[in-house]
C-alpha atoms as a PDB file:
ATOM      1  CA  MET A   1       3.889  24.913  -4.424  1.00  0.00           C
ATOM      2  CA  PRO A   2       4.324  23.942  -8.111  1.00  0.00           C
ATOM      3  CA  LEU A   3       4.900  20.381  -9.222  1.00  0.00           C
ATOM      4  CA  ASP A   4       8.510  19.307  -8.694  1.00  0.00           C
ATOM      5  CA  PRO A   5      10.505  20.004 -11.916  1.00  0.00           C
ATOM      6  CA  LEU A   6      11.991  16.498 -12.041  1.00  0.00           C
ATOM      7  CA  LEU A   7       8.514  15.053 -11.729  1.00  0.00           C
ATOM      8  CA  LYS A   8       7.166  17.422 -14.371  1.00  0.00           C
ATOM      9  CA  ALA A   9       9.864  16.329 -16.817  1.00  0.00           C
ATOM     10  CA  PHE A  10       9.236  12.651 -16.029  1.00  0.00           C
ATOM     11  CA  LEU A  11       5.488  12.997 -16.556  1.00  0.00           C
ATOM     12  CA  GLY A  12       6.170  14.747 -19.864  1.00  0.00           C
ATOM     13  CA  GLN A  13       8.311  11.821 -20.978  1.00  0.00           C
ATOM     14  CA  LEU A  14       5.597   9.362 -19.969  1.00  0.00           C
ATOM     15  CA  ALA A  15       2.968  11.317 -21.896  1.00  0.00           C
ATOM     16  CA  ALA A  16       5.157  11.254 -24.998  1.00  0.00           C
ATOM     17  CA  GLN A  17       5.423   7.458 -25.005  1.00  0.00           C
ATOM     18  CA  PRO A  18       3.471   5.722 -27.779  1.00  0.00           C
ATOM     19  CA  GLN A  19       1.834   3.070 -25.594  1.00  0.00           C
ATOM     20  CA  PRO A  20      -1.860   3.371 -24.668  1.00  0.00           C
ATOM     21  CA  LYS A  21      -3.002   4.966 -21.437  1.00  0.00           C
ATOM     22  CA  LEU A  22      -3.763   2.631 -18.558  1.00  0.00           C
ATOM     23  CA  TRP A  23      -7.497   3.175 -18.904  1.00  0.00           C
ATOM     24  CA  GLU A  24      -7.292   2.346 -22.618  1.00  0.00           C
ATOM     25  CA  SER A  25      -5.779  -1.078 -21.867  1.00  0.00           C
ATOM     26  CA  GLU A  26      -7.098  -4.489 -20.902  1.00  0.00           C
ATOM     27  CA  PRO A  27      -5.874  -5.760 -17.510  1.00  0.00           C
ATOM     28  CA  PRO A  28      -3.200  -8.170 -18.861  1.00  0.00           C
ATOM     29  CA  GLN A  29      -1.689  -5.415 -20.997  1.00  0.00           C
ATOM     30  CA  ALA A  30      -1.915  -2.923 -18.135  1.00  0.00           C
ATOM     31  CA  ARG A  31      -0.090  -5.353 -15.831  1.00  0.00           C
ATOM     32  CA  ASP A  32       2.725  -5.655 -18.346  1.00  0.00           C
ATOM     33  CA  LEU A  33       2.935  -1.873 -18.747  1.00  0.00           C
ATOM     34  CA  PHE A  34       3.053  -1.349 -14.989  1.00  0.00           C
ATOM     35  CA  ALA A  35       5.676  -4.051 -14.504  1.00  0.00           C
ATOM     36  CA  ALA A  36       7.837  -2.423 -17.195  1.00  0.00           C
ATOM     37  CA  LEU A  37       7.426   0.992 -15.562  1.00  0.00           C
ATOM     38  CA  MET A  38       8.403  -0.318 -12.147  1.00  0.00           C
ATOM     39  CA  GLN A  39      11.388  -2.102 -13.667  1.00  0.00           C
ATOM     40  CA  ALA A  40      12.501   1.206 -15.182  1.00  0.00           C
ATOM     41  CA  VAL A  41      11.923   3.566 -12.246  1.00  0.00           C
ATOM     42  CA  GLY A  42      11.989   1.361  -9.155  1.00  0.00           C
ATOM     43  CA  PRO A  43      14.922   0.710  -6.831  1.00  0.00           C
ATOM     44  CA  LYS A  44      17.708  -1.366  -8.336  1.00  0.00           C
ATOM     45  CA  ASP A  45      19.972  -4.058  -6.890  1.00  0.00           C
ATOM     46  CA  VAL A  46      18.943  -3.553  -3.258  1.00  0.00           C
ATOM     47  CA  PRO A  47      20.833  -6.064  -1.094  1.00  0.00           C
ATOM     48  CA  ILE A  48      18.810  -8.069   1.404  1.00  0.00           C
ATOM     49  CA  GLY A  49      19.633 -10.509   4.162  1.00  0.00           C
ATOM     50  CA  LYS A  50      17.375 -13.351   3.010  1.00  0.00           C
ATOM     51  CA  ILE A  51      14.249 -13.942   0.926  1.00  0.00           C
ATOM     52  CA  THR A  52      11.927 -16.873   1.599  1.00  0.00           C
ATOM     53  CA  SER A  53       8.939 -17.875  -0.530  1.00  0.00           C
ATOM     54  CA  LEU A  54       5.775 -18.642   1.418  1.00  0.00           C
ATOM     55  CA  SER A  55       2.446 -20.279   0.625  1.00  0.00           C
ATOM     56  CA  ILE A  56      -0.383 -19.133   2.876  1.00  0.00           C
ATOM     57  CA  PRO A  57      -3.733 -20.947   3.051  1.00  0.00           C
ATOM     58  CA  GLY A  58      -6.449 -18.596   1.860  1.00  0.00           C
ATOM     59  CA  PRO A  59     -10.185 -18.543   1.223  1.00  0.00           C
ATOM     60  CA  GLY A  60      -9.673 -18.966  -2.535  1.00  0.00           C
ATOM     61  CA  GLY A  61      -6.652 -21.246  -2.439  1.00  0.00           C
ATOM     62  CA  ASP A  62      -3.056 -20.784  -1.415  1.00  0.00           C
ATOM     63  CA  ILE A  63      -1.772 -17.172  -1.334  1.00  0.00           C
ATOM     64  CA  PRO A  64       1.847 -16.750  -2.460  1.00  0.00           C
ATOM     65  CA  ALA A  65       3.940 -14.419  -0.319  1.00  0.00           C
ATOM     66  CA  ARG A  66       7.547 -13.397   0.073  1.00  0.00           C
ATOM     67  CA  LEU A  67       9.371 -12.983   3.387  1.00  0.00           C
ATOM     68  CA  TYR A  68      12.204 -10.440   3.443  1.00  0.00           C
ATOM     69  CA  SER A  69      14.691 -10.604   6.305  1.00  0.00           C
ATOM     70  CA  PRO A  70      16.852  -7.496   6.646  1.00  0.00           C
ATOM     71  CA  ILE A  71      20.609  -7.520   6.432  1.00  0.00           C
ATOM     72  CA  ALA A  72      22.172  -8.654   9.710  1.00  0.00           C
ATOM     73  CA  ALA A  73      18.841  -9.825  11.124  1.00  0.00           C
ATOM     74  CA  GLY A  74      19.522 -11.798  14.271  1.00  0.00           C
ATOM     75  CA  SER A  75      18.060 -15.140  15.270  1.00  0.00           C
ATOM     76  CA  GLU A  76      15.696 -13.545  17.785  1.00  0.00           C
ATOM     77  CA  PRO A  77      12.064 -12.972  16.720  1.00  0.00           C
ATOM     78  CA  GLN A  78      11.821  -9.706  14.786  1.00  0.00           C
ATOM     79  CA  PRO A  79       9.000  -7.204  14.370  1.00  0.00           C
ATOM     80  CA  ALA A  80       7.224  -7.618  11.049  1.00  0.00           C
ATOM     81  CA  LEU A  81       5.323  -5.631   8.438  1.00  0.00           C
ATOM     82  CA  ILE A  82       2.697  -7.464   6.399  1.00  0.00           C
ATOM     83  CA  PHE A  83       2.758  -5.528   3.127  1.00  0.00           C
ATOM     84  CA  PHE A  84       0.124  -5.243   0.396  1.00  0.00           C
ATOM     85  CA  HIS A  85       1.272  -3.856  -2.957  1.00  0.00           C
ATOM     86  CA  GLY A  86      -0.460  -1.071  -4.862  1.00  0.00           C
ATOM     87  CA  GLY A  87      -2.034  -1.224  -8.302  1.00  0.00           C
ATOM     88  CA  GLY A  88      -5.704  -0.411  -7.935  1.00  0.00           C
ATOM     89  CA  PHE A  89      -6.586  -4.038  -7.052  1.00  0.00           C
ATOM     90  CA  VAL A  90      -6.050  -4.892 -10.754  1.00  0.00           C
ATOM     91  CA  ILE A  91      -2.309  -4.565 -11.485  1.00  0.00           C
ATOM     92  CA  GLY A  92       0.897  -4.848  -9.467  1.00  0.00           C
ATOM     93  CA  SER A  93       2.497  -7.855  -7.807  1.00  0.00           C
ATOM     94  CA  VAL A  94       5.061  -8.996  -5.290  1.00  0.00           C
ATOM     95  CA  ASP A  95       7.600  -8.646  -8.110  1.00  0.00           C
ATOM     96  CA  THR A  96       6.747  -5.024  -8.958  1.00  0.00           C
ATOM     97  CA  HIS A  97       7.259  -4.058  -5.303  1.00  0.00           C
ATOM     98  CA  ASP A  98      10.284  -6.245  -4.621  1.00  0.00           C
ATOM     99  CA  GLY A  99      12.736  -3.329  -4.422  1.00  0.00           C
ATOM    100  CA  LEU A 100      10.479  -1.301  -2.136  1.00  0.00           C
ATOM    101  CA  CYS A 101      10.039  -4.236   0.240  1.00  0.00           C
ATOM    102  CA  ARG A 102      13.792  -4.816   0.350  1.00  0.00           C
ATOM    103  CA  MET A 103      14.294  -1.161   1.235  1.00  0.00           C
ATOM    104  CA  LEU A 104      11.568  -1.220   3.887  1.00  0.00           C
ATOM    105  CA  ALA A 105      13.074  -4.316   5.517  1.00  0.00           C
ATOM    106  CA  ASN A 106      16.591  -2.905   5.650  1.00  0.00           C
ATOM    107  CA  LEU A 107      15.585   0.612   6.685  1.00  0.00           C
ATOM    108  CA  SER A 108      13.181  -0.504   9.416  1.00  0.00           C
ATOM    109  CA  GLY A 109      15.007  -3.579  10.689  1.00  0.00           C
ATOM    110  CA  CYS A 110      11.726  -5.485  10.376  1.00  0.00           C
ATOM    111  CA  ARG A 111      10.891  -8.621   8.494  1.00  0.00           C
ATOM    112  CA  VAL A 112       8.533  -7.800   5.634  1.00  0.00           C
ATOM    113  CA  ILE A 113       5.950 -10.291   4.335  1.00  0.00           C
ATOM    114  CA  SER A 114       4.721  -9.175   0.908  1.00  0.00           C
ATOM    115  CA  VAL A 115       1.365 -10.739  -0.007  1.00  0.00           C
ATOM    116  CA  GLU A 116       0.281 -11.746  -3.544  1.00  0.00           C
ATOM    117  CA  TYR A 117      -3.444 -11.241  -2.985  1.00  0.00           C
ATOM    118  CA  ARG A 118      -5.928 -12.050  -5.765  1.00  0.00           C
ATOM    119  CA  LEU A 119      -6.522  -9.365  -8.387  1.00  0.00           C
ATOM    120  CA  ALA A 120      -9.602  -8.171 -10.252  1.00  0.00           C
ATOM    121  CA  PRO A 121     -11.320  -8.646 -12.635  1.00  0.00           C
ATOM    122  CA  GLU A 122     -10.573 -12.356 -12.284  1.00  0.00           C
ATOM    123  CA  HIS A 123     -11.337 -12.026  -8.565  1.00  0.00           C
ATOM    124  CA  LYS A 124     -13.578  -9.113  -7.693  1.00  0.00           C
ATOM    125  CA  PHE A 125     -14.164  -7.423  -4.346  1.00  0.00           C
ATOM    126  CA  PRO A 126     -13.917  -8.644  -1.616  1.00  0.00           C
ATOM    127  CA  ALA A 127     -11.373 -11.287  -2.724  1.00  0.00           C
ATOM    128  CA  ALA A 128      -8.373  -9.006  -2.114  1.00  0.00           C
ATOM    129  CA  VAL A 129      -9.697  -8.079   1.340  1.00  0.00           C
ATOM    130  CA  ASP A 130     -10.308 -11.709   2.242  1.00  0.00           C
ATOM    131  CA  ASP A 131      -6.776 -12.682   1.184  1.00  0.00           C
ATOM    132  CA  ALA A 132      -5.200  -9.755   3.034  1.00  0.00           C
ATOM    133  CA  PHE A 133      -6.979 -10.619   6.269  1.00  0.00           C
ATOM    134  CA  ALA A 134      -6.258 -14.347   5.929  1.00  0.00           C
ATOM    135  CA  ALA A 135      -2.565 -13.668   5.331  1.00  0.00           C
ATOM    136  CA  THR A 136      -2.335 -11.333   8.325  1.00  0.00           C
ATOM    137  CA  SER A 137      -4.038 -13.862  10.597  1.00  0.00           C
ATOM    138  CA  TRP A 138      -1.756 -16.636   9.357  1.00  0.00           C
ATOM    139  CA  VAL A 139       1.381 -14.616  10.046  1.00  0.00           C
ATOM    140  CA  GLU A 140       0.300 -14.065  13.649  1.00  0.00           C
ATOM    141  CA  THR A 141      -0.520 -17.752  14.126  1.00  0.00           C
ATOM    142  CA  ASN A 142       2.762 -18.890  12.548  1.00  0.00           C
ATOM    143  CA  ALA A 143       4.951 -16.102  13.894  1.00  0.00           C
ATOM    144  CA  ALA A 144       7.426 -18.371  15.695  1.00  0.00           C
ATOM    145  CA  GLN A 145       8.336 -20.403  12.611  1.00  0.00           C
ATOM    146  CA  LEU A 146       8.682 -17.181  10.574  1.00  0.00           C
ATOM    147  CA  GLY A 147      11.092 -15.618  13.071  1.00  0.00           C
ATOM    148  CA  VAL A 148       8.492 -12.964  13.828  1.00  0.00           C
ATOM    149  CA  ASP A 149       7.428 -11.437  17.131  1.00  0.00           C
ATOM    150  CA  ALA A 150       3.632 -11.847  17.199  1.00  0.00           C
ATOM    151  CA  ASN A 151       3.347  -8.902  19.598  1.00  0.00           C
ATOM    152  CA  ARG A 152       4.991  -6.525  17.107  1.00  0.00           C
ATOM    153  CA  LEU A 153       2.999  -6.879  13.897  1.00  0.00           C
ATOM    154  CA  ALA A 154       2.127  -4.067  11.491  1.00  0.00           C
ATOM    155  CA  VAL A 155       0.157  -3.965   8.270  1.00  0.00           C
ATOM    156  CA  GLY A 156       0.919  -1.577   5.451  1.00  0.00           C
ATOM    157  CA  GLY A 157       0.917  -0.915   1.755  1.00  0.00           C
ATOM    158  CA  ASP A 158       0.859   1.692  -0.973  1.00  0.00           C
ATOM    159  CA  SER A 159      -2.234   2.969  -2.781  1.00  0.00           C
ATOM    160  CA  ALA A 160      -4.703   0.052  -2.995  1.00  0.00           C
ATOM    161  CA  GLY A 161      -2.385  -1.808  -0.623  1.00  0.00           C
ATOM    162  CA  GLY A 162      -2.773   1.030   1.866  1.00  0.00           C
ATOM    163  CA  THR A 163      -6.529   0.601   1.574  1.00  0.00           C
ATOM    164  CA  LEU A 164      -6.211  -3.104   2.329  1.00  0.00           C
ATOM    165  CA  ALA A 165      -4.047  -2.336   5.367  1.00  0.00           C
ATOM    166  CA  ALA A 166      -6.648   0.119   6.698  1.00  0.00           C
ATOM    167  CA  VAL A 167      -9.465  -2.379   6.135  1.00  0.00           C
ATOM    168  CA  VAL A 168      -7.540  -5.246   7.750  1.00  0.00           C
ATOM    169  CA  SER A 169      -6.877  -3.018  10.780  1.00  0.00           C
ATOM    170  CA  GLN A 170     -10.615  -2.366  11.141  1.00  0.00           C
ATOM    171  CA  MET A 171     -11.479  -6.047  10.698  1.00  0.00           C
ATOM    172  CA  ALA A 172      -8.850  -7.158  13.214  1.00  0.00           C
ATOM    173  CA  ARG A 173     -10.181  -4.715  15.793  1.00  0.00           C
ATOM    174  CA  ASP A 174     -13.755  -5.884  15.252  1.00  0.00           C
ATOM    175  CA  LYS A 175     -12.836  -9.578  15.439  1.00  0.00           C
ATOM    176  CA  GLY A 176     -10.393  -9.196  18.322  1.00  0.00           C
ATOM    177  CA  ALA A 177      -7.526 -10.731  16.313  1.00  0.00           C
ATOM    178  CA  PRO A 178      -4.928 -10.604  14.926  1.00  0.00           C
ATOM    179  CA  ARG A 179      -3.358  -8.086  17.300  1.00  0.00           C
ATOM    180  CA  LEU A 180      -1.822  -5.279  15.288  1.00  0.00           C
ATOM    181  CA  ALA A 181       0.578  -2.701  16.679  1.00  0.00           C
ATOM    182  CA  PHE A 182       0.725  -0.275  13.731  1.00  0.00           C
ATOM    183  CA  GLN A 183      -0.638   0.573  10.282  1.00  0.00           C
ATOM    184  CA  LEU A 184       1.520   2.098   7.538  1.00  0.00           C
ATOM    185  CA  LEU A 185      -0.819   3.698   4.986  1.00  0.00           C
ATOM    186  CA  LEU A 186       0.977   5.112   1.941  1.00  0.00           C
ATOM    187  CA  PHE A 187      -1.330   7.122  -0.369  1.00  0.00           C
ATOM    188  CA  PRO A 188      -4.401   5.036   0.553  1.00  0.00           C
ATOM    189  CA  ILE A 189      -7.754   5.094  -1.217  1.00  0.00           C
ATOM    190  CA  THR A 190     -10.192   5.582   1.647  1.00  0.00           C
ATOM    191  CA  ASP A 191     -13.433   6.489  -0.142  1.00  0.00           C
ATOM    192  CA  ILE A 192     -13.897   4.930  -3.549  1.00  0.00           C
ATOM    193  CA  ALA A 193     -16.703   7.311  -4.530  1.00  0.00           C
ATOM    194  CA  ALA A 194     -15.047  10.420  -3.066  1.00  0.00           C
ATOM    195  CA  ASP A 195     -15.819  13.813  -4.594  1.00  0.00           C
ATOM    196  CA  THR A 196     -13.029  15.936  -3.115  1.00  0.00           C
ATOM    197  CA  ASN A 197     -11.125  19.027  -4.169  1.00  0.00           C
ATOM    198  CA  SER A 198      -8.029  16.937  -4.886  1.00  0.00           C
ATOM    199  CA  ARG A 199      -9.970  14.422  -7.010  1.00  0.00           C
ATOM    200  CA  ARG A 200     -11.221  17.323  -9.126  1.00  0.00           C
ATOM    201  CA  ALA A 201      -8.043  19.436  -9.213  1.00  0.00           C
ATOM    202  CA  PHE A 202      -5.697  16.584 -10.190  1.00  0.00           C
ATOM    203  CA  ALA A 203      -8.015  14.586 -12.437  1.00  0.00           C
ATOM    204  CA  SER A 204      -5.458  14.579 -15.264  1.00  0.00           C
ATOM    205  CA  GLY A 205      -1.780  15.160 -15.858  1.00  0.00           C
ATOM    206  CA  CYS A 206      -0.561  14.155 -12.390  1.00  0.00           C
ATOM    207  CA  PHE A 207       0.431  10.481 -12.782  1.00  0.00           C
ATOM    208  CA  LEU A 208      -2.747   8.908 -11.356  1.00  0.00           C
ATOM    209  CA  GLU A 209      -5.736  10.223 -13.300  1.00  0.00           C
ATOM    210  CA  ALA A 210      -9.497  10.174 -12.759  1.00  0.00           C
ATOM    211  CA  LYS A 211      -9.962   7.839 -15.728  1.00  0.00           C
ATOM    212  CA  ASP A 212      -7.427   5.442 -14.177  1.00  0.00           C
ATOM    213  CA  ILE A 213      -9.345   5.467 -10.900  1.00  0.00           C
ATOM    214  CA  ASP A 214     -12.643   4.726 -12.662  1.00  0.00           C
ATOM    215  CA  TRP A 215     -10.946   1.952 -14.673  1.00  0.00           C
ATOM    216  CA  PHE A 216      -9.590   0.300 -11.537  1.00  0.00           C
ATOM    217  CA  PHE A 217     -12.843   0.430  -9.615  1.00  0.00           C
ATOM    218  CA  GLY A 218     -14.902  -0.706 -12.571  1.00  0.00           C
ATOM    219  CA  TYR A 219     -12.914  -3.942 -12.635  1.00  0.00           C
ATOM    220  CA  TYR A 220     -12.558  -4.289  -8.864  1.00  0.00           C
ATOM    221  CA  LEU A 221     -16.156  -3.690  -7.820  1.00  0.00           C
ATOM    222  CA  GLY A 222     -18.234  -4.325 -10.906  1.00  0.00           C
ATOM    223  CA  PRO A 223     -21.641  -2.669 -11.322  1.00  0.00           C
ATOM    224  CA  ASP A 224     -23.394  -4.168  -8.314  1.00  0.00           C
ATOM    225  CA  ALA A 225     -20.994  -3.741  -5.386  1.00  0.00           C
ATOM    226  CA  ASP A 226     -21.691  -1.209  -2.643  1.00  0.00           C
ATOM    227  CA  ARG A 227     -19.034   1.495  -2.921  1.00  0.00           C
ATOM    228  CA  ALA A 228     -19.916   2.676   0.582  1.00  0.00           C
ATOM    229  CA  ASP A 229     -19.017  -0.702   2.120  1.00  0.00           C
ATOM    230  CA  PRO A 230     -16.243   0.052   4.663  1.00  0.00           C
ATOM    231  CA  LYS A 231     -14.332  -2.957   3.327  1.00  0.00           C
ATOM    232  CA  ALA A 232     -14.024  -0.986   0.078  1.00  0.00           C
ATOM    233  CA  SER A 233     -14.068   2.535   1.526  1.00  0.00           C
ATOM    234  CA  PRO A 234     -12.631   2.448   5.061  1.00  0.00           C
ATOM    235  CA  LEU A 235     -13.276   6.181   5.570  1.00  0.00           C
ATOM    236  CA  LEU A 236     -16.998   5.332   5.695  1.00  0.00           C
ATOM    237  CA  ALA A 237     -16.723   3.017   8.705  1.00  0.00           C
ATOM    238  CA  GLU A 238     -18.870   3.918  11.705  1.00  0.00           C
ATOM    239  CA  ASN A 239     -16.184   3.489  14.354  1.00  0.00           C
ATOM    240  CA  PHE A 240     -12.496   4.465  14.344  1.00  0.00           C
ATOM    241  CA  ALA A 241     -11.752   3.974  18.031  1.00  0.00           C
ATOM    242  CA  GLY A 242      -9.367   1.251  19.117  1.00  0.00           C
ATOM    243  CA  LEU A 243      -7.458   1.080  15.839  1.00  0.00           C
ATOM    244  CA  PRO A 244      -3.655   0.755  15.788  1.00  0.00           C
ATOM    245  CA  PRO A 245      -1.480   3.881  15.627  1.00  0.00           C
ATOM    246  CA  ALA A 246      -1.065   5.004  12.032  1.00  0.00           C
ATOM    247  CA  TYR A 247       1.423   6.673   9.727  1.00  0.00           C
ATOM    248  CA  ILE A 248      -0.309   8.105   6.657  1.00  0.00           C
ATOM    249  CA  MET A 249       1.643   9.447   3.686  1.00  0.00           C
ATOM    250  CA  VAL A 250      -0.071  11.738   1.156  1.00  0.00           C
ATOM    251  CA  ALA A 251       1.114  13.952  -1.693  1.00  0.00           C
ATOM    252  CA  GLU A 252       0.001  17.419  -2.748  1.00  0.00           C
ATOM    253  CA  PHE A 253      -0.697  16.575  -6.423  1.00  0.00           C
ATOM    254  CA  ASP A 254      -2.400  13.238  -5.706  1.00  0.00           C
ATOM    255  CA  PRO A 255      -6.144  12.998  -6.445  1.00  0.00           C
ATOM    256  CA  LEU A 256      -6.321  10.817  -3.309  1.00  0.00           C
ATOM    257  CA  HIS A 257      -4.736  13.508  -1.116  1.00  0.00           C
ATOM    258  CA  ASP A 258      -7.877  14.812   0.570  1.00  0.00           C
ATOM    259  CA  GLU A 259      -9.331  11.431   1.486  1.00  0.00           C
ATOM    260  CA  GLY A 260      -5.992  10.434   3.038  1.00  0.00           C
ATOM    261  CA  VAL A 261      -6.067  13.576   5.155  1.00  0.00           C
ATOM    262  CA  ALA A 262      -9.700  12.905   6.041  1.00  0.00           C
ATOM    263  CA  TYR A 263      -8.794   9.405   7.232  1.00  0.00           C
ATOM    264  CA  ALA A 264      -6.076  10.826   9.475  1.00  0.00           C
ATOM    265  CA  GLU A 265      -8.604  13.273  10.921  1.00  0.00           C
ATOM    266  CA  LYS A 266     -11.135  10.495  11.595  1.00  0.00           C
ATOM    267  CA  LEU A 267      -8.501   8.462  13.424  1.00  0.00           C
ATOM    268  CA  ARG A 268      -7.333  11.430  15.498  1.00  0.00           C
ATOM    269  CA  ALA A 269     -10.898  12.335  16.444  1.00  0.00           C
ATOM    270  CA  ALA A 270     -11.310   8.782  17.749  1.00  0.00           C
ATOM    271  CA  GLY A 271      -8.180   9.046  19.894  1.00  0.00           C
ATOM    272  CA  VAL A 272      -5.838   7.094  17.617  1.00  0.00           C
ATOM    273  CA  THR A 273      -2.223   8.294  17.405  1.00  0.00           C
ATOM    274  CA  VAL A 274      -1.534   9.433  13.835  1.00  0.00           C
ATOM    275  CA  THR A 275       1.427  10.822  11.930  1.00  0.00           C
ATOM    276  CA  LEU A 276       0.335  12.559   8.714  1.00  0.00           C
ATOM    277  CA  ASP A 277       3.249  12.989   6.297  1.00  0.00           C
ATOM    278  CA  ASP A 278       2.094  15.395   3.568  1.00  0.00           C
ATOM    279  CA  HIS A 279       4.605  15.852   0.728  1.00  0.00           C
ATOM    280  CA  ALA A 280       4.440  19.120  -1.197  1.00  0.00           C
ATOM    281  CA  ALA A 281       5.056  19.165  -4.973  1.00  0.00           C
ATOM    282  CA  MET A 282       4.747  15.351  -5.218  1.00  0.00           C
ATOM    283  CA  VAL A 283       2.333  12.969  -6.979  1.00  0.00           C
ATOM    284  CA  HIS A 284       0.571   9.748  -6.036  1.00  0.00           C
ATOM    285  CA  ASP A 285       2.869   6.925  -4.898  1.00  0.00           C
ATOM    286  CA  PHE A 286       6.021   8.863  -5.798  1.00  0.00           C
ATOM    287  CA  ILE A 287       8.008   6.572  -3.476  1.00  0.00           C
ATOM    288  CA  CYS A 288       7.989   4.071  -6.359  1.00  0.00           C
ATOM    289  CA  LEU A 289       9.990   6.497  -8.529  1.00  0.00           C
ATOM    290  CA  GLN A 290      13.312   5.744  -6.888  1.00  0.00           C
ATOM    291  CA  ALA A 291      15.329   6.126 -10.105  1.00  0.00           C
ATOM    292  CA  VAL A 292      13.695   9.487 -10.888  1.00  0.00           C
ATOM    293  CA  LEU A 293      13.412  11.391  -7.610  1.00  0.00           C
ATOM    294  CA  PRO A 294      15.844  11.762  -4.718  1.00  0.00           C
ATOM    295  CA  GLN A 295      12.790  12.580  -2.586  1.00  0.00           C
ATOM    296  CA  ALA A 296      11.488   9.040  -3.136  1.00  0.00           C
ATOM    297  CA  ALA A 297      14.225   7.423  -1.045  1.00  0.00           C
ATOM    298  CA  GLU A 298      13.970  10.139   1.602  1.00  0.00           C
ATOM    299  CA  ALA A 299      10.222   9.649   1.941  1.00  0.00           C
ATOM    300  CA  LEU A 300      10.461   5.860   2.112  1.00  0.00           C
ATOM    301  CA  GLY A 301      13.149   6.278   4.751  1.00  0.00           C
ATOM    302  CA  SER A 302      10.807   8.441   6.831  1.00  0.00           C
ATOM    303  CA  ALA A 303       8.071   5.811   6.599  1.00  0.00           C
ATOM    304  CA  ALA A 304      10.495   3.034   7.551  1.00  0.00           C
ATOM    305  CA  ALA A 305      11.784   5.061  10.490  1.00  0.00           C
ATOM    306  CA  ALA A 306       8.247   5.567  11.784  1.00  0.00           C
ATOM    307  CA  LEU A 307       7.630   1.823  11.455  1.00  0.00           C
ATOM    308  CA  LYS A 308      10.832   1.035  13.321  1.00  0.00           C
ATOM    309  CA  VAL A 309      10.029   3.379  16.179  1.00  0.00           C
ATOM    310  CA  ALA A 310       6.457   2.128  16.482  1.00  0.00           C
ATOM    311  CA  LEU A 311       7.369  -1.550  16.544  1.00  0.00           C
ATOM    312  CA  THR A 312      10.345  -1.046  18.833  1.00  0.00           C
ATOM    313  CA  ALA A 313       8.020   0.622  21.324  1.00  0.00           C
ATOM    314  CA  ALA A 314       5.230  -1.945  20.894  1.00  0.00           C
END
């Protein structure tokens, strides 16, 4: 199927902009560019029941986080999604994903805790992983005061955040805690050094480009890190049994498409329940393009519905 015409027009407009490409920028500039893009294309004026700022003790100092309570949330403990934003471990923030987290909370009926994990290059791998796991463990321990049901916890995120959610799920299984009921993996990076058909076919012109991927990982890992470490590349783990049920969203024109599908296959082969939601004619992380694509809201709604069903049944 060809690239969606609305997406094609949007990508043409982006290409015509005078600002430098992501991979031509320094991280502070790239963060500003991404924040401006998300402000322009992300969801606008999404009502929410309540937002609470949190400070979570972490291995490198306190981790800021934001708790979203859905509209009409009752006083009873609610299921919760611990969410990690995308941005290649270098850009993105709780603020850039504020609208998406509001939508996820309202559509799923879950509380959403969005985590401001440390970014590279100031904090290289595995700082983001360490923060993500610490935040997830803290939410379980402090569930009662957060209005959260500790028996109905999920982790999730988009792009790099999806990677963190997959890694945290593996770590939690190996350590025996926290107990996770579900993982919501939206366009995850599962093998940093992957050489797949989709990485080659969509290396340029499809929103996320090969040079962007190299730029992100150069800052995140540096020259000495092991790209085959499962904490960086969860597809390369030895064992996939005993992991939480998963919902994995991929897109046809995403260079990360094939490794997302491969992760779903690894989970299924190990007996894990998986829903693979493969979107034709779409690009990486298109759910962020709420002001551009009607399909963005539909897809996020599907993910939220899967989360709701999974945590209601947990």
